[in-house]
Amino acid sequence: MRKEYDLTGGRPNPYAKRLGAAGRAVVLERFLRSEHFVRLDDDLAATFPDDETVNKTLRLALEMKGVLAKPSRGAAKPRAKRSA
C-alpha cells in the first residue's frame, strides 16, 4: 500500500473480532484454493525465482514420468488467417 494512504481514522471492520485469527486463516485458505494457488515450502520458493521456472520444471518432471507427451520439435505453428 502506498505511503500516502492514511487509514488510521477509518472504521474498524465489525466482523474482524468475531472472526478471529483462526477464522481469517480458514477464509484465506479457502480463497487460495478457489483461485488454484499452491503454496511452496520456503526452500522450494527460494529455488524457483518465478512461476515460469516452476511450470517448466513441473512439465519436465511429468515428461520424465511419462505422463505428459513431449512436444514435437518440428511442429508447425498455426498460421494467422489473412483477410481478403
N, C-alpha and C. Protein backbone atom coordinates (compact mmCIF):
# COMPACT_ATOMS: atom_id res chain seq x y z
N MET A 1 0.84 -1.16 0.00
CA MET A 1 0.00 0.00 0.00
C MET A 1 0.89 1.24 0.00
N ARG A 2 0.45 2.25 -0.65
CA ARG A 2 1.26 3.47 -0.75
C ARG A 2 1.34 4.21 0.58
N LYS A 3 2.43 4.94 0.75
CA LYS A 3 2.66 5.68 1.99
C LYS A 3 1.62 6.78 2.20
N GLU A 4 1.13 7.36 1.10
CA GLU A 4 0.22 8.49 1.25
C GLU A 4 -1.20 8.08 1.67
N TYR A 5 -1.49 6.78 1.67
CA TYR A 5 -2.81 6.34 2.12
C TYR A 5 -2.82 6.31 3.65
N ASP A 6 -3.67 7.11 4.23
CA ASP A 6 -3.77 7.16 5.68
C ASP A 6 -5.09 6.54 6.09
N LEU A 7 -5.03 5.35 6.64
CA LEU A 7 -6.25 4.65 7.03
C LEU A 7 -6.41 4.59 8.55
N THR A 8 -5.69 5.45 9.26
CA THR A 8 -5.75 5.40 10.71
C THR A 8 -7.09 5.89 11.25
N GLY A 9 -7.77 6.78 10.52
CA GLY A 9 -9.04 7.30 11.01
C GLY A 9 -10.24 6.50 10.54
N GLY A 10 -10.01 5.39 9.89
CA GLY A 10 -11.11 4.60 9.34
C GLY A 10 -11.84 3.78 10.39
N ARG A 11 -12.98 3.30 10.00
CA ARG A 11 -13.79 2.49 10.90
C ARG A 11 -13.30 1.05 10.86
N PRO A 12 -13.08 0.42 12.01
CA PRO A 12 -12.62 -0.97 12.01
C PRO A 12 -13.73 -1.90 11.51
N ASN A 13 -13.31 -3.01 10.95
CA ASN A 13 -14.26 -4.00 10.45
C ASN A 13 -14.99 -4.61 11.64
N PRO A 14 -16.33 -4.53 11.67
CA PRO A 14 -17.07 -5.05 12.82
C PRO A 14 -17.04 -6.57 12.93
N TYR A 15 -16.70 -7.25 11.85
CA TYR A 15 -16.71 -8.72 11.87
C TYR A 15 -15.35 -9.31 12.18
N ALA A 16 -14.30 -8.50 12.18
CA ALA A 16 -12.94 -9.00 12.37
C ALA A 16 -12.75 -9.63 13.74
N LYS A 17 -13.30 -9.01 14.80
CA LYS A 17 -13.14 -9.56 16.13
C LYS A 17 -13.85 -10.90 16.27
N ARG A 18 -15.04 -11.00 15.68
CA ARG A 18 -15.79 -12.25 15.76
C ARG A 18 -15.11 -13.36 14.96
N LEU A 19 -14.46 -13.00 13.87
CA LEU A 19 -13.82 -14.00 13.02
C LEU A 19 -12.58 -14.57 13.69
N GLY A 20 -11.76 -13.73 14.27
CA GLY A 20 -10.56 -14.18 14.96
C GLY A 20 -9.47 -14.63 14.01
N ALA A 21 -8.31 -14.95 14.57
CA ALA A 21 -7.15 -15.34 13.76
C ALA A 21 -7.39 -16.68 13.06
N ALA A 22 -7.99 -17.62 13.75
CA ALA A 22 -8.24 -18.94 13.15
C ALA A 22 -9.23 -18.82 12.00
N GLY A 23 -10.25 -17.98 12.17
CA GLY A 23 -11.23 -17.79 11.12
C GLY A 23 -10.64 -17.11 9.90
N ARG A 24 -9.74 -16.15 10.12
CA ARG A 24 -9.07 -15.49 9.00
C ARG A 24 -8.21 -16.47 8.23
N ALA A 25 -7.56 -17.38 8.94
CA ALA A 25 -6.73 -18.39 8.29
C ALA A 25 -7.58 -19.31 7.42
N VAL A 26 -8.76 -19.66 7.90
CA VAL A 26 -9.67 -20.52 7.12
C VAL A 26 -10.16 -19.79 5.88
N VAL A 27 -10.53 -18.53 6.03
CA VAL A 27 -11.00 -17.74 4.88
C VAL A 27 -9.89 -17.61 3.85
N LEU A 28 -8.68 -17.33 4.30
CA LEU A 28 -7.55 -17.20 3.38
C LEU A 28 -7.28 -18.51 2.66
N GLU A 29 -7.31 -19.62 3.38
CA GLU A 29 -7.06 -20.93 2.76
C GLU A 29 -8.13 -21.26 1.73
N ARG A 30 -9.39 -20.96 2.02
CA ARG A 30 -10.46 -21.20 1.04
C ARG A 30 -10.28 -20.34 -0.20
N PHE A 31 -9.89 -19.09 -0.02
CA PHE A 31 -9.65 -18.21 -1.16
C PHE A 31 -8.52 -18.73 -2.03
N LEU A 32 -7.41 -19.11 -1.40
CA LEU A 32 -6.27 -19.60 -2.16
C LEU A 32 -6.61 -20.87 -2.93
N ARG A 33 -7.39 -21.76 -2.31
CA ARG A 33 -7.81 -22.98 -3.00
C ARG A 33 -8.74 -22.67 -4.16
N SER A 34 -9.65 -21.73 -3.99
CA SER A 34 -10.60 -21.40 -5.04
C SER A 34 -9.91 -20.73 -6.22
N GLU A 35 -8.80 -20.05 -5.99
CA GLU A 35 -8.07 -19.39 -7.05
C GLU A 35 -6.95 -20.27 -7.59
N HIS A 36 -6.87 -21.52 -7.14
CA HIS A 36 -5.87 -22.51 -7.57
C HIS A 36 -4.44 -22.09 -7.27
N PHE A 37 -4.25 -21.47 -6.13
CA PHE A 37 -2.91 -21.13 -5.67
C PHE A 37 -2.32 -22.34 -4.97
N VAL A 38 -1.04 -22.52 -5.12
CA VAL A 38 -0.33 -23.60 -4.45
C VAL A 38 0.77 -22.97 -3.63
N ARG A 39 0.87 -23.37 -2.40
CA ARG A 39 1.88 -22.82 -1.52
C ARG A 39 3.13 -23.69 -1.56
N LEU A 40 4.28 -23.08 -1.83
CA LEU A 40 5.55 -23.80 -1.85
C LEU A 40 6.22 -23.68 -0.49
N ASP A 41 6.96 -24.71 -0.13
CA ASP A 41 7.78 -24.62 1.08
C ASP A 41 8.86 -23.57 0.85
N ASP A 42 9.41 -23.05 1.94
CA ASP A 42 10.38 -21.96 1.84
C ASP A 42 11.61 -22.34 1.03
N ASP A 43 12.11 -23.58 1.20
CA ASP A 43 13.30 -23.97 0.46
C ASP A 43 13.02 -24.06 -1.04
N LEU A 44 11.83 -24.48 -1.43
CA LEU A 44 11.48 -24.54 -2.84
C LEU A 44 11.23 -23.14 -3.40
N ALA A 45 10.59 -22.29 -2.64
CA ALA A 45 10.32 -20.94 -3.10
C ALA A 45 11.62 -20.18 -3.35
N ALA A 46 12.64 -20.46 -2.57
CA ALA A 46 13.94 -19.80 -2.77
C ALA A 46 14.62 -20.33 -4.03
N THR A 47 14.31 -21.57 -4.42
CA THR A 47 14.94 -22.18 -5.59
C THR A 47 14.34 -21.66 -6.89
N PHE A 48 13.03 -21.42 -6.90
CA PHE A 48 12.35 -21.01 -8.11
C PHE A 48 12.06 -19.51 -8.07
N PRO A 49 12.68 -18.73 -8.96
CA PRO A 49 12.52 -17.28 -8.91
C PRO A 49 11.17 -16.78 -9.42
N ASP A 50 10.50 -17.56 -10.30
CA ASP A 50 9.23 -17.08 -10.85
C ASP A 50 8.36 -18.26 -11.26
N ASP A 51 7.13 -17.95 -11.65
CA ASP A 51 6.17 -19.01 -11.99
C ASP A 51 6.55 -19.75 -13.27
N GLU A 52 7.23 -19.08 -14.19
CA GLU A 52 7.63 -19.74 -15.44
C GLU A 52 8.60 -20.88 -15.16
N THR A 53 9.54 -20.68 -14.24
CA THR A 53 10.50 -21.71 -13.88
C THR A 53 9.81 -22.89 -13.21
N VAL A 54 8.85 -22.62 -12.37
CA VAL A 54 8.10 -23.69 -11.71
C VAL A 54 7.35 -24.51 -12.76
N ASN A 55 6.68 -23.86 -13.70
CA ASN A 55 5.92 -24.56 -14.73
C ASN A 55 6.83 -25.41 -15.61
N LYS A 56 7.98 -24.87 -16.02
CA LYS A 56 8.91 -25.64 -16.85
C LYS A 56 9.40 -26.88 -16.11
N THR A 57 9.72 -26.71 -14.84
CA THR A 57 10.23 -27.83 -14.05
C THR A 57 9.16 -28.90 -13.86
N LEU A 58 7.93 -28.50 -13.60
CA LEU A 58 6.85 -29.47 -13.44
C LEU A 58 6.57 -30.21 -14.75
N ARG A 59 6.61 -29.49 -15.88
CA ARG A 59 6.41 -30.15 -17.17
C ARG A 59 7.52 -31.16 -17.45
N LEU A 60 8.75 -30.79 -17.12
CA LEU A 60 9.88 -31.70 -17.32
C LEU A 60 9.71 -32.96 -16.45
N ALA A 61 9.29 -32.77 -15.21
CA ALA A 61 9.08 -33.92 -14.32
C ALA A 61 7.98 -34.83 -14.86
N LEU A 62 6.90 -34.25 -15.40
CA LEU A 62 5.82 -35.06 -15.96
C LEU A 62 6.27 -35.78 -17.23
N GLU A 63 7.09 -35.13 -18.05
CA GLU A 63 7.63 -35.79 -19.24
C GLU A 63 8.51 -36.97 -18.84
N MET A 64 9.33 -36.78 -17.81
CA MET A 64 10.22 -37.85 -17.36
C MET A 64 9.42 -39.02 -16.81
N LYS A 65 8.31 -38.72 -16.19
CA LYS A 65 7.46 -39.77 -15.62
C LYS A 65 6.63 -40.45 -16.71
N GLY A 66 6.48 -39.79 -17.85
CA GLY A 66 5.72 -40.36 -18.95
C GLY A 66 4.26 -39.96 -18.94
N VAL A 67 3.90 -39.02 -18.10
CA VAL A 67 2.52 -38.57 -18.01
C VAL A 67 2.20 -37.57 -19.11
N LEU A 68 3.14 -36.70 -19.40
CA LEU A 68 2.95 -35.64 -20.37
C LEU A 68 3.74 -35.97 -21.62
N ALA A 69 3.10 -35.88 -22.77
CA ALA A 69 3.80 -36.16 -24.02
C ALA A 69 4.78 -35.05 -24.32
N LYS A 70 5.94 -35.42 -24.85
CA LYS A 70 6.93 -34.42 -25.22
C LYS A 70 6.43 -33.65 -26.42
N PRO A 71 6.60 -32.34 -26.42
CA PRO A 71 6.20 -31.57 -27.60
C PRO A 71 7.13 -31.89 -28.76
N SER A 72 6.56 -32.05 -29.94
CA SER A 72 7.39 -32.36 -31.10
C SER A 72 8.19 -31.13 -31.49
N ARG A 73 9.42 -31.34 -31.87
CA ARG A 73 10.32 -30.22 -32.15
C ARG A 73 9.99 -29.54 -33.46
N GLY A 74 9.52 -30.26 -34.44
CA GLY A 74 9.26 -29.67 -35.74
C GLY A 74 7.80 -29.36 -35.96
N ALA A 75 7.06 -29.20 -34.92
CA ALA A 75 5.63 -28.95 -35.06
C ALA A 75 5.40 -27.59 -35.71
N ALA A 76 4.51 -27.59 -36.66
CA ALA A 76 4.20 -26.35 -37.36
C ALA A 76 3.32 -25.48 -36.48
N LYS A 77 3.62 -24.21 -36.47
CA LYS A 77 2.80 -23.27 -35.72
C LYS A 77 1.60 -22.89 -36.57
N PRO A 78 0.44 -22.71 -35.95
CA PRO A 78 -0.73 -22.30 -36.74
C PRO A 78 -0.51 -20.92 -37.34
N ARG A 79 -0.86 -20.81 -38.60
CA ARG A 79 -0.68 -19.54 -39.30
C ARG A 79 -1.86 -18.63 -39.05
N ALA A 80 -1.56 -17.36 -39.04
CA ALA A 80 -2.62 -16.36 -38.88
C ALA A 80 -3.41 -16.27 -40.19
N LYS A 81 -4.71 -16.13 -40.07
CA LYS A 81 -5.55 -16.02 -41.27
C LYS A 81 -5.38 -14.64 -41.87
N ARG A 82 -5.33 -14.62 -43.18
CA ARG A 82 -5.21 -13.36 -43.90
C ARG A 82 -6.58 -12.91 -44.32
N SER A 83 -6.82 -11.64 -44.21
CA SER A 83 -8.10 -11.12 -44.66
C SER A 83 -8.03 -10.83 -46.15
N ALA A 84 -9.16 -11.05 -46.84
CA ALA A 84 -9.18 -10.89 -48.29
C ALA A 84 -9.32 -9.47 -48.72
